[in-house]
């Protein structure tokens, strides 16, 4: 009997060792970027103003055609604006004074961006009836999407997140209160997520579309003002008097009063 058990025990040990080895190799592969990890980069479609990526703790300016890779931090200045595109055609548009990490958590390749602060507009491509699941993360919210267009704004003061859906739908969960119930937002709806307040207690605002139209107009005016060619100051009046503004942009003082009569 002992002679029969010994081969069975050996076979069982080999089977367990093979299973463990297979699981370990799969875990290692899951932690490694795929061989085509270059396809997981984001390409700069347009960039104006101060737009940079942090490499080795140093900001490097970005321009059209450059790429941002996994875990890199995108920074925009007060006049910075850029549009990035990933391999499936989805885009994210970063507005001034923003901090955004691209694909912070590989191998979760569906985690598109982490919005640390500032405003980003996201458009997720969908392929007919086939969903294209992605997630956008903030310090206070986890936003799951299938194929839609929406804005995410994170406050610099208290990390409050504002989600505004232009088209489609998103599911919003609280990032810091895991027991909180999620909410689904549809076209024209918005929601604010606060650090210490369950989103289940928040009412969904249905006035997003009108705000987005007004914001689009304001964005266009602001962009035009930032990139308008600068010319010299106004032309001074005849004889340089009258307190007009000259080419230097400095106000010319009026002539002194005449001396008092003797």
C-alpha atoms as a PDB file:
ATOM      1  CA  UNK A   1       0.000   0.000   0.000  1.00  0.00           C
ATOM      2  CA  UNK A   2       2.832   2.364   0.872  1.00  0.00           C
ATOM      3  CA  UNK A   3       4.410   1.677  -2.528  1.00  0.00           C
ATOM      4  CA  UNK A   4       1.184   2.755  -4.284  1.00  0.00           C
ATOM      5  CA  UNK A   5       0.790   5.967  -2.244  1.00  0.00           C
ATOM      6  CA  UNK A   6       4.366   7.060  -2.887  1.00  0.00           C
ATOM      7  CA  UNK A   7       3.927   7.509  -6.707  1.00  0.00           C
ATOM      8  CA  UNK A   8       0.567   9.209  -6.188  1.00  0.00           C
ATOM      9  CA  UNK A   9       2.122  11.627  -3.705  1.00  0.00           C
ATOM     10  CA  UNK A  10       4.938  12.410  -6.123  1.00  0.00           C
ATOM     11  CA  UNK A  11       2.511  13.035  -8.998  1.00  0.00           C
ATOM     12  CA  UNK A  12       0.363  15.278  -6.791  1.00  0.00           C
ATOM     13  CA  UNK A  13       3.437  17.272  -5.736  1.00  0.00           C
ATOM     14  CA  UNK A  14       4.462  17.758  -9.364  1.00  0.00           C
ATOM     15  CA  UNK A  15       0.932  18.866 -10.289  1.00  0.00           C
ATOM     16  CA  UNK A  16       0.812  21.391  -7.454  1.00  0.00           C
ATOM     17  CA  UNK A  17       4.270  22.711  -8.370  1.00  0.00           C
ATOM     18  CA  UNK A  18       3.242  23.127 -12.020  1.00  0.00           C
ATOM     19  CA  UNK A  19       0.025  24.893 -11.018  1.00  0.00           C
ATOM     20  CA  UNK A  20       1.897  27.259  -8.706  1.00  0.00           C
ATOM     21  CA  UNK A  21       4.477  27.990 -11.405  1.00  0.00           C
ATOM     22  CA  UNK A  22       1.745  28.770 -13.943  1.00  0.00           C
ATOM     23  CA  UNK A  23      -0.086  31.082 -11.529  1.00  0.00           C
ATOM     24  CA  UNK A  24       3.153  32.835 -10.620  1.00  0.00           C
ATOM     25  CA  UNK A  25       4.068  33.390 -14.276  1.00  0.00           C
ATOM     26  CA  UNK A  26       0.585  34.783 -15.006  1.00  0.00           C
ATOM     27  CA  UNK A  27       0.884  37.155 -12.048  1.00  0.00           C
ATOM     28  CA  UNK A  28       4.271  38.351 -13.273  1.00  0.00           C
ATOM     29  CA  UNK A  29       2.943  38.882 -16.779  1.00  0.00           C
ATOM     30  CA  UNK A  30       0.020  40.858 -15.378  1.00  0.00           C
ATOM     31  CA  UNK A  31       2.430  43.208 -13.642  1.00  0.00           C
ATOM     32  CA  UNK A  32       4.558  43.764 -16.745  1.00  0.00           C
ATOM     33  CA  UNK A  33       3.597  46.130 -19.548  1.00  0.00           C
ATOM     34  CA  UNK A  34       2.631  44.346 -22.782  1.00  0.00           C
ATOM     35  CA  UNK A  35       5.156  43.979 -25.583  1.00  0.00           C
ATOM     36  CA  UNK A  36       3.293  46.665 -27.522  1.00  0.00           C
ATOM     37  CA  UNK A  37       3.292  49.098 -24.567  1.00  0.00           C
ATOM     38  CA  UNK A  38       4.100  51.890 -26.997  1.00  0.00           C
ATOM     39  CA  UNK A  39       0.473  51.632 -28.098  1.00  0.00           C
ATOM     40  CA  UNK A  40      -0.515  52.662 -24.581  1.00  0.00           C
ATOM     41  CA  UNK A  41       1.097  56.091 -24.934  1.00  0.00           C
ATOM     42  CA  UNK A  42      -0.869  59.289 -25.522  1.00  0.00           C
ATOM     43  CA  UNK A  43       0.039  61.427 -28.524  1.00  0.00           C
ATOM     44  CA  UNK A  44      -0.123  65.218 -28.405  1.00  0.00           C
ATOM     45  CA  UNK A  45      -2.633  66.352 -31.056  1.00  0.00           C
ATOM     46  CA  UNK A  46      -2.439  70.061 -30.237  1.00  0.00           C
ATOM     47  CA  UNK A  47      -0.589  72.063 -27.579  1.00  0.00           C
ATOM     48  CA  UNK A  48      -0.543  75.782 -26.884  1.00  0.00           C
ATOM     49  CA  UNK A  49       0.924  77.797 -24.037  1.00  0.00           C
ATOM     50  CA  UNK A  50       2.738  76.121 -21.154  1.00  0.00           C
ATOM     51  CA  UNK A  51       2.263  72.347 -21.506  1.00  0.00           C
ATOM     52  CA  UNK A  52       4.895  69.971 -20.143  1.00  0.00           C
ATOM     53  CA  UNK A  53       5.507  66.452 -18.872  1.00  0.00           C
ATOM     54  CA  UNK A  54       7.520  65.670 -15.751  1.00  0.00           C
ATOM     55  CA  UNK A  55      10.568  63.462 -16.433  1.00  0.00           C
ATOM     56  CA  UNK A  56      13.195  62.821 -13.743  1.00  0.00           C
ATOM     57  CA  UNK A  57      11.603  65.579 -11.641  1.00  0.00           C
ATOM     58  CA  UNK A  58      12.140  68.084 -14.467  1.00  0.00           C
ATOM     59  CA  UNK A  59       9.398  69.582 -16.695  1.00  0.00           C
ATOM     60  CA  UNK A  60       9.865  69.003 -20.440  1.00  0.00           C
ATOM     61  CA  UNK A  61       7.856  71.100 -22.863  1.00  0.00           C
ATOM     62  CA  UNK A  62       5.384  69.217 -25.067  1.00  0.00           C
ATOM     63  CA  UNK A  63       4.459  70.070 -28.635  1.00  0.00           C
ATOM     64  CA  UNK A  64       2.359  68.528 -31.385  1.00  0.00           C
ATOM     65  CA  UNK A  65       3.443  64.971 -32.221  1.00  0.00           C
ATOM     66  CA  UNK A  66       5.146  64.248 -28.873  1.00  0.00           C
ATOM     67  CA  UNK A  67       4.115  61.273 -26.738  1.00  0.00           C
ATOM     68  CA  UNK A  68       3.311  60.899 -23.050  1.00  0.00           C
ATOM     69  CA  UNK A  69       4.003  57.480 -21.551  1.00  0.00           C
ATOM     70  CA  UNK A  70       2.622  55.430 -18.679  1.00  0.00           C
ATOM     71  CA  UNK A  71       2.755  57.051 -15.220  1.00  0.00           C
ATOM     72  CA  UNK A  72       3.951  60.425 -16.549  1.00  0.00           C
ATOM     73  CA  UNK A  73       2.577  63.644 -15.072  1.00  0.00           C
ATOM     74  CA  UNK A  74       1.159  66.261 -17.459  1.00  0.00           C
ATOM     75  CA  UNK A  75       1.317  69.875 -16.239  1.00  0.00           C
ATOM     76  CA  UNK A  76      -0.315  72.941 -17.788  1.00  0.00           C
ATOM     77  CA  UNK A  77       0.397  76.557 -16.890  1.00  0.00           C
ATOM     78  CA  UNK A  78      -2.073  79.459 -16.711  1.00  0.00           C
ATOM     79  CA  UNK A  79      -2.177  79.643 -20.528  1.00  0.00           C
ATOM     80  CA  UNK A  80      -1.642  75.923 -21.210  1.00  0.00           C
ATOM     81  CA  UNK A  81      -4.044  73.808 -23.249  1.00  0.00           C
ATOM     82  CA  UNK A  82      -3.506  70.456 -24.986  1.00  0.00           C
ATOM     83  CA  UNK A  83      -5.409  67.597 -26.613  1.00  0.00           C
ATOM     84  CA  UNK A  84      -4.059  64.033 -26.286  1.00  0.00           C
ATOM     85  CA  UNK A  85      -5.153  60.926 -28.205  1.00  0.00           C
ATOM     86  CA  UNK A  86      -4.669  57.240 -27.386  1.00  0.00           C
ATOM     87  CA  UNK A  87      -4.524  54.305 -29.783  1.00  0.00           C
ATOM     88  CA  UNK A  88      -8.269  53.539 -29.789  1.00  0.00           C
ATOM     89  CA  UNK A  89      -9.094  57.102 -30.865  1.00  0.00           C
ATOM     90  CA  UNK A  90     -10.242  58.311 -27.448  1.00  0.00           C
ATOM     91  CA  UNK A  91      -9.043  61.782 -26.429  1.00  0.00           C
ATOM     92  CA  UNK A  92      -8.598  63.879 -23.324  1.00  0.00           C
ATOM     93  CA  UNK A  93      -8.306  67.658 -23.392  1.00  0.00           C
ATOM     94  CA  UNK A  94      -6.363  69.342 -20.590  1.00  0.00           C
ATOM     95  CA  UNK A  95      -7.120  72.947 -19.661  1.00  0.00           C
ATOM     96  CA  UNK A  96      -4.977  75.564 -17.839  1.00  0.00           C
ATOM     97  CA  UNK A  97      -3.533  74.991 -14.355  1.00  0.00           C
ATOM     98  CA  UNK A  98      -4.092  71.221 -14.387  1.00  0.00           C
ATOM     99  CA  UNK A  99      -2.135  68.203 -13.137  1.00  0.00           C
ATOM    100  CA  UNK A 100      -2.973  64.877 -14.798  1.00  0.00           C
ATOM    101  CA  UNK A 101      -1.233  61.492 -14.518  1.00  0.00           C
ATOM    102  CA  UNK A 102      -1.513  59.276 -17.609  1.00  0.00           C
ATOM    103  CA  UNK A 103      -2.266  55.585 -16.886  1.00  0.00           C
ATOM    104  CA  UNK A 104      -1.080  55.704 -13.284  1.00  0.00           C
ATOM    105  CA  UNK A 105      -1.958  52.110 -12.392  1.00  0.00           C
ATOM    106  CA  UNK A 106      -0.753  49.560 -14.975  1.00  0.00           C
ATOM    107  CA  UNK A 107      -1.622  46.743 -15.603  1.00  0.00           C
ATOM    108  CA  UNK A 108      -5.078  48.329 -15.236  1.00  0.00           C
ATOM    109  CA  UNK A 109      -4.878  49.667 -18.790  1.00  0.00           C
ATOM    110  CA  UNK A 110      -8.510  50.797 -18.655  1.00  0.00           C
ATOM    111  CA  UNK A 111      -7.548  53.413 -16.047  1.00  0.00           C
ATOM    112  CA  UNK A 112      -7.017  56.217 -18.527  1.00  0.00           C
ATOM    113  CA  UNK A 113      -6.022  59.219 -16.394  1.00  0.00           C
ATOM    114  CA  UNK A 114      -5.850  60.471 -12.811  1.00  0.00           C
ATOM    115  CA  UNK A 115      -6.995  64.090 -12.593  1.00  0.00           C
ATOM    116  CA  UNK A 116      -5.167  65.517  -9.568  1.00  0.00           C
ATOM    117  CA  UNK A 117      -6.312  69.105 -10.039  1.00  0.00           C
ATOM    118  CA  UNK A 118      -7.836  71.229 -12.790  1.00  0.00           C
ATOM    119  CA  UNK A 119     -10.251  70.555 -15.623  1.00  0.00           C
ATOM    120  CA  UNK A 120     -10.158  67.827 -18.278  1.00  0.00           C
ATOM    121  CA  UNK A 121     -12.614  66.973 -21.049  1.00  0.00           C
ATOM    122  CA  UNK A 122     -12.716  63.277 -21.970  1.00  0.00           C
ATOM    123  CA  UNK A 123     -14.123  61.627 -25.079  1.00  0.00           C
ATOM    124  CA  UNK A 124     -14.176  57.799 -25.078  1.00  0.00           C
ATOM    125  CA  UNK A 125     -14.635  56.201 -28.488  1.00  0.00           C
ATOM    126  CA  UNK A 126     -17.061  53.308 -28.827  1.00  0.00           C
ATOM    127  CA  UNK A 127     -17.210  50.809 -31.655  1.00  0.00           C
ATOM    128  CA  UNK A 128     -20.824  50.369 -32.701  1.00  0.00           C
ATOM    129  CA  UNK A 129     -22.565  48.274 -30.082  1.00  0.00           C
ATOM    130  CA  UNK A 130     -19.252  47.175 -28.548  1.00  0.00           C
ATOM    131  CA  UNK A 131     -18.533  48.911 -25.214  1.00  0.00           C
ATOM    132  CA  UNK A 132     -15.146  50.492 -24.562  1.00  0.00           C
ATOM    133  CA  UNK A 133     -14.816  50.482 -20.760  1.00  0.00           C
ATOM    134  CA  UNK A 134     -12.453  53.077 -19.281  1.00  0.00           C
ATOM    135  CA  UNK A 135     -12.049  54.741 -15.907  1.00  0.00           C
ATOM    136  CA  UNK A 136     -11.084  58.262 -14.924  1.00  0.00           C
ATOM    137  CA  UNK A 137      -9.884  58.736 -11.353  1.00  0.00           C
ATOM    138  CA  UNK A 138      -9.720  61.783  -9.073  1.00  0.00           C
ATOM    139  CA  UNK A 139      -8.830  62.127  -5.382  1.00  0.00           C
ATOM    140  CA  UNK A 140     -12.532  61.810  -4.506  1.00  0.00           C
ATOM    141  CA  UNK A 141     -14.253  59.988  -7.404  1.00  0.00           C
ATOM    142  CA  UNK A 142     -13.997  56.944  -9.656  1.00  0.00           C
ATOM    143  CA  UNK A 143     -15.762  57.490 -12.977  1.00  0.00           C
ATOM    144  CA  UNK A 144     -16.520  54.467 -15.154  1.00  0.00           C
ATOM    145  CA  UNK A 145     -17.464  54.991 -18.803  1.00  0.00           C
ATOM    146  CA  UNK A 146     -18.338  52.876 -21.828  1.00  0.00           C
ATOM    147  CA  UNK A 147     -18.253  55.486 -24.573  1.00  0.00           C
ATOM    148  CA  UNK A 148     -19.166  59.074 -23.900  1.00  0.00           C
ATOM    149  CA  UNK A 149     -18.050  62.694 -23.633  1.00  0.00           C
ATOM    150  CA  UNK A 150     -17.809  64.418 -20.256  1.00  0.00           C
ATOM    151  CA  UNK A 151     -15.924  67.028 -18.220  1.00  0.00           C
ATOM    152  CA  UNK A 152     -14.093  66.431 -14.935  1.00  0.00           C
ATOM    153  CA  UNK A 153     -12.969  69.348 -12.740  1.00  0.00           C
ATOM    154  CA  UNK A 154     -11.037  68.927  -9.478  1.00  0.00           C
ATOM    155  CA  UNK A 155     -10.805  71.845  -7.051  1.00  0.00           C
ATOM    156  CA  UNK A 156      -7.362  72.878  -5.842  1.00  0.00           C
ATOM    157  CA  UNK A 157      -8.778  73.806  -2.430  1.00  0.00           C
ATOM    158  CA  UNK A 158     -10.540  70.686  -1.186  1.00  0.00           C
ATOM    159  CA  UNK A 159     -10.310  68.153  -4.070  1.00  0.00           C
ATOM    160  CA  UNK A 160     -14.032  68.361  -4.739  1.00  0.00           C
ATOM    161  CA  UNK A 161     -14.810  66.713  -8.099  1.00  0.00           C
ATOM    162  CA  UNK A 162     -17.394  68.021 -10.567  1.00  0.00           C
ATOM    163  CA  UNK A 163     -18.530  65.594 -13.292  1.00  0.00           C
ATOM    164  CA  UNK A 164     -20.565  66.987 -16.211  1.00  0.00           C
ATOM    165  CA  UNK A 165     -21.857  64.638 -18.931  1.00  0.00           C
ATOM    166  CA  UNK A 166     -22.209  66.084 -22.411  1.00  0.00           C
ATOM    167  CA  UNK A 167     -23.186  62.829 -24.139  1.00  0.00           C
ATOM    168  CA  UNK A 168     -23.765  59.242 -23.053  1.00  0.00           C
ATOM    169  CA  UNK A 169     -23.600  58.100 -19.438  1.00  0.00           C
ATOM    170  CA  UNK A 170     -21.081  57.475 -16.669  1.00  0.00           C
ATOM    171  CA  UNK A 171     -21.151  55.705 -13.332  1.00  0.00           C
ATOM    172  CA  UNK A 172     -19.674  57.639 -10.415  1.00  0.00           C
ATOM    173  CA  UNK A 173     -18.382  56.049  -7.217  1.00  0.00           C
ATOM    174  CA  UNK A 174     -16.854  57.710  -4.178  1.00  0.00           C
ATOM    175  CA  UNK A 175     -13.102  57.061  -4.023  1.00  0.00           C
ATOM    176  CA  UNK A 176     -12.866  57.500  -0.236  1.00  0.00           C
ATOM    177  CA  UNK A 177     -16.175  55.997   0.929  1.00  0.00           C
ATOM    178  CA  UNK A 178     -16.271  52.496  -0.608  1.00  0.00           C
ATOM    179  CA  UNK A 179     -19.576  51.612   1.060  1.00  0.00           C
ATOM    180  CA  UNK A 180     -21.330  54.491  -0.675  1.00  0.00           C
ATOM    181  CA  UNK A 181     -23.818  53.671  -3.448  1.00  0.00           C
ATOM    182  CA  UNK A 182     -22.792  54.751  -6.974  1.00  0.00           C
ATOM    183  CA  UNK A 183     -24.793  57.076  -9.177  1.00  0.00           C
ATOM    184  CA  UNK A 184     -25.292  57.005 -12.936  1.00  0.00           C
ATOM    185  CA  UNK A 185     -25.256  60.298 -14.827  1.00  0.00           C
ATOM    186  CA  UNK A 186     -26.789  60.689 -18.289  1.00  0.00           C
ATOM    187  CA  UNK A 187     -26.590  63.370 -20.983  1.00  0.00           C
ATOM    188  CA  UNK A 188     -26.998  66.856 -19.523  1.00  0.00           C
ATOM    189  CA  UNK A 189     -26.510  65.793 -15.896  1.00  0.00           C
ATOM    190  CA  UNK A 190     -23.784  66.702 -13.413  1.00  0.00           C
ATOM    191  CA  UNK A 191     -22.714  65.818  -9.884  1.00  0.00           C
ATOM    192  CA  UNK A 192     -20.279  67.172  -7.281  1.00  0.00           C
ATOM    193  CA  UNK A 193     -18.363  64.701  -5.131  1.00  0.00           C
ATOM    194  CA  UNK A 194     -17.060  65.971  -1.777  1.00  0.00           C
ATOM    195  CA  UNK A 195     -14.389  64.269   0.335  1.00  0.00           C
ATOM    196  CA  UNK A 196     -16.534  63.470   3.364  1.00  0.00           C
ATOM    197  CA  UNK A 197     -20.045  63.435   1.934  1.00  0.00           C
ATOM    198  CA  UNK A 198     -21.680  60.321   0.429  1.00  0.00           C
ATOM    199  CA  UNK A 199     -22.773  60.830  -3.166  1.00  0.00           C
ATOM    200  CA  UNK A 200     -25.955  58.933  -2.344  1.00  0.00           C
ATOM    201  CA  UNK A 201     -27.033  62.096  -0.482  1.00  0.00           C
ATOM    202  CA  UNK A 202     -26.323  64.388  -3.442  1.00  0.00           C
ATOM    203  CA  UNK A 203     -28.939  65.472  -5.973  1.00  0.00           C
ATOM    204  CA  UNK A 204     -28.075  65.165  -9.659  1.00  0.00           C
ATOM    205  CA  UNK A 205     -28.073  68.531 -11.434  1.00  0.00           C
ATOM    206  CA  UNK A 206     -29.762  68.424 -14.846  1.00  0.00           C
ATOM    207  CA  UNK A 207     -28.635  71.846 -16.137  1.00  0.00           C
ATOM    208  CA  UNK A 208     -25.244  70.823 -17.544  1.00  0.00           C
ATOM    209  CA  UNK A 209     -25.800  71.488 -21.260  1.00  0.00           C
ATOM    210  CA  UNK A 210     -26.517  75.214 -20.840  1.00  0.00           C
ATOM    211  CA  UNK A 211     -23.435  75.618 -18.644  1.00  0.00           C
ATOM    212  CA  UNK A 212     -21.257  73.793 -21.143  1.00  0.00           C
ATOM    213  CA  UNK A 213     -22.420  76.022 -24.003  1.00  0.00           C
ATOM    214  CA  UNK A 214     -21.597  79.117 -21.941  1.00  0.00           C
ATOM    215  CA  UNK A 215     -18.248  77.622 -20.919  1.00  0.00           C
ATOM    216  CA  UNK A 216     -17.391  76.797 -24.551  1.00  0.00           C
ATOM    217  CA  UNK A 217     -17.995  80.427 -25.511  1.00  0.00           C
ATOM    218  CA  UNK A 218     -15.868  81.639 -22.596  1.00  0.00           C
ATOM    219  CA  UNK A 219     -13.092  79.163 -23.499  1.00  0.00           C
ATOM    220  CA  UNK A 220     -13.073  80.396 -27.095  1.00  0.00           C
ATOM    221  CA  UNK A 221     -12.871  84.039 -26.002  1.00  0.00           C
ATOM    222  CA  UNK A 222     -10.130  83.264 -23.468  1.00  0.00           C
ATOM    223  CA  UNK A 223      -8.075  81.284 -25.993  1.00  0.00           C
ATOM    224  CA  UNK A 224      -8.384  84.025 -28.588  1.00  0.00           C
ATOM    225  CA  UNK A 225      -7.264  86.640 -26.042  1.00  0.00           C
ATOM    226  CA  UNK A 226      -4.252  84.573 -24.963  1.00  0.00           C
ATOM    227  CA  UNK A 227      -3.010  83.976 -28.496  1.00  0.00           C
ATOM    228  CA  UNK A 228      -3.898  87.344 -30.018  1.00  0.00           C
ATOM    229  CA  UNK A 229      -0.790  89.011 -31.524  1.00  0.00           C
ATOM    230  CA  UNK A 230       0.465  91.803 -29.323  1.00  0.00           C
ATOM    231  CA  UNK A 231       0.962  95.247 -30.886  1.00  0.00           C
ATOM    232  CA  UNK A 232       2.269  98.512 -29.543  1.00  0.00           C
ATOM    233  CA  UNK A 233       0.184 100.751 -27.332  1.00  0.00           C
ATOM    234  CA  UNK A 234      -2.235 103.383 -28.525  1.00  0.00           C
ATOM    235  CA  UNK A 235      -1.109 106.440 -30.479  1.00  0.00           C
ATOM    236  CA  UNK A 236      -0.427 109.530 -28.412  1.00  0.00           C
ATOM    237  CA  UNK A 237      -2.372 112.737 -28.987  1.00  0.00           C
ATOM    238  CA  UNK A 238      -1.043 115.670 -30.990  1.00  0.00           C
ATOM    239  CA  UNK A 239       1.839 117.311 -29.155  1.00  0.00           C
ATOM    240  CA  UNK A 240       1.989 114.375 -26.688  1.00  0.00           C
ATOM    241  CA  UNK A 241      -0.521 115.984 -24.312  1.00  0.00           C
ATOM    242  CA  UNK A 242      -3.942 114.966 -23.162  1.00  0.00           C
ATOM    243  CA  UNK A 243      -2.737 112.102 -20.939  1.00  0.00           C
ATOM    244  CA  UNK A 244      -2.993 109.520 -23.798  1.00  0.00           C
ATOM    245  CA  UNK A 245      -1.206 106.138 -23.824  1.00  0.00           C
ATOM    246  CA  UNK A 246       1.884 106.036 -26.027  1.00  0.00           C
ATOM    247  CA  UNK A 247       3.767 103.129 -27.584  1.00  0.00           C
ATOM    248  CA  UNK A 248       5.467 102.348 -24.298  1.00  0.00           C
ATOM    249  CA  UNK A 249       2.137 101.644 -22.639  1.00  0.00           C
ATOM    250  CA  UNK A 250       2.849 104.290 -19.976  1.00  0.00           C
ATOM    251  CA  UNK A 251       0.491 107.140 -19.314  1.00  0.00           C
ATOM    252  CA  UNK A 252       1.906 110.531 -20.330  1.00  0.00           C
ATOM    253  CA  UNK A 253       1.371 113.071 -17.525  1.00  0.00           C
ATOM    254  CA  UNK A 254      -0.468 116.328 -18.347  1.00  0.00           C
ATOM    255  CA  UNK A 255       1.618 119.515 -18.695  1.00  0.00           C
ATOM    256  CA  UNK A 256       2.319 121.463 -15.438  1.00  0.00           C
ATOM    257  CA  UNK A 257      -0.002 124.395 -14.609  1.00  0.00           C
ATOM    258  CA  UNK A 258       1.167 127.920 -15.583  1.00  0.00           C
ATOM    259  CA  UNK A 259       2.966 129.997 -12.913  1.00  0.00           C
ATOM    260  CA  UNK A 260       0.744 132.273 -10.775  1.00  0.00           C
ATOM    261  CA  UNK A 261       0.479 135.888 -11.977  1.00  0.00           C
ATOM    262  CA  UNK A 262       2.797 138.442 -10.312  1.00  0.00           C
END
